[in-house]
Protein backbone atom coordinates (compact mmCIF):
# COMPACT_ATOMS: atom_id res chain seq x y z
CA UNK A 1 102.57 96.90 146.19
CA UNK A 2 101.51 93.50 147.51
CA UNK A 3 101.70 93.42 151.28
CA UNK A 4 101.18 89.68 151.76
CA UNK A 5 102.15 86.61 149.78
CA UNK A 6 99.24 85.41 147.61
CA UNK A 7 97.80 81.98 148.34
CA UNK A 8 98.80 78.98 146.20
CA UNK A 9 95.29 79.03 144.75
CA UNK A 10 96.01 82.43 143.22
CA UNK A 11 99.23 81.18 141.60
CA UNK A 12 97.39 78.17 140.19
CA UNK A 13 94.69 80.40 138.70
CA UNK A 14 97.29 82.65 137.08
CA UNK A 15 99.22 79.67 135.67
CA UNK A 16 96.04 78.12 134.30
CA UNK A 17 95.18 81.39 132.56
CA UNK A 18 98.64 81.67 131.02
CA UNK A 19 98.51 78.08 129.77
CA UNK A 20 95.08 78.65 128.23
CA UNK A 21 96.42 81.72 126.46
CA UNK A 22 99.51 79.86 125.18
CA UNK A 23 97.41 76.94 123.93
CA UNK A 24 94.93 79.30 122.29
CA UNK A 25 92.02 77.93 124.34
CA UNK A 26 89.64 80.76 123.48
CA UNK A 27 86.55 79.09 124.96
CA UNK A 28 88.37 78.34 128.20
CA UNK A 29 89.60 81.93 128.43
CA UNK A 30 86.09 83.27 127.78
CA UNK A 31 84.67 81.01 130.50
CA UNK A 32 87.39 82.07 132.96
CA UNK A 33 86.74 85.74 132.21
CA UNK A 34 82.98 85.28 132.69
CA UNK A 35 83.57 83.54 136.03
CA UNK A 36 85.96 86.29 137.09
CA UNK A 37 83.45 88.98 136.13
CA UNK A 38 80.73 87.25 138.18
CA UNK A 39 83.03 87.13 141.21
CA UNK A 40 83.84 90.83 140.82
CA UNK A 41 80.16 91.74 140.58
CA UNK A 42 79.39 89.67 143.67
CA UNK A 43 82.23 91.34 145.56
CA UNK A 44 81.01 94.79 144.47
CA UNK A 45 77.47 93.97 145.67
CA UNK A 46 78.80 92.81 149.04
CA UNK A 47 80.91 95.95 149.41
CA UNK A 48 77.98 98.19 148.47
CA UNK A 49 75.74 96.45 151.00
CA UNK A 50 78.24 97.11 153.79
CA UNK A 51 78.64 100.82 153.10
CA UNK A 52 76.22 103.20 154.81
CA UNK A 53 73.83 104.93 152.45
CA UNK A 54 73.85 108.71 152.35
CA UNK A 55 70.61 110.35 151.34
CA UNK A 56 70.38 113.98 150.34
CA UNK A 57 67.23 116.04 150.74
CA UNK A 58 65.88 117.77 147.67
CA UNK A 59 65.99 121.54 147.24
CA UNK A 60 62.29 121.90 148.02
CA UNK A 61 62.73 120.14 151.38
CA UNK A 62 65.75 122.29 152.23
CA UNK A 63 63.82 125.45 151.33
CA UNK A 64 60.92 124.33 153.51
CA UNK A 65 63.26 123.67 156.45
CA UNK A 66 64.92 127.03 155.87
CA UNK A 67 61.59 128.85 155.97
CA UNK A 68 60.60 126.95 159.13
CA UNK A 69 63.81 128.05 160.84
CA UNK A 70 63.16 131.70 160.18
CA UNK A 71 64.38 131.95 156.59
CA UNK A 72 67.81 133.27 157.48
CA UNK A 73 69.46 131.17 154.77
CA UNK A 74 71.69 129.23 157.12
CA UNK A 75 73.08 125.96 155.89
CA UNK A 76 71.38 122.89 157.23
CA UNK A 77 73.66 119.91 157.66
């Protein structure tokens, strides 16, 4: 469900795509799709850069920490 009204720019982009499809402008459609894919990749990179990275210790490190804590097999979080 769309919560806000799209900008006029979005309507224009959609209309241009429909007209290209109707006219059979294959090269134009390919170019539009390539541009769209680039924008999506850029957006995905930006989103990934903003998310905190979670690193997980390997089993050998966890075993070493476990043995240092007395080897009782408690979970280390």
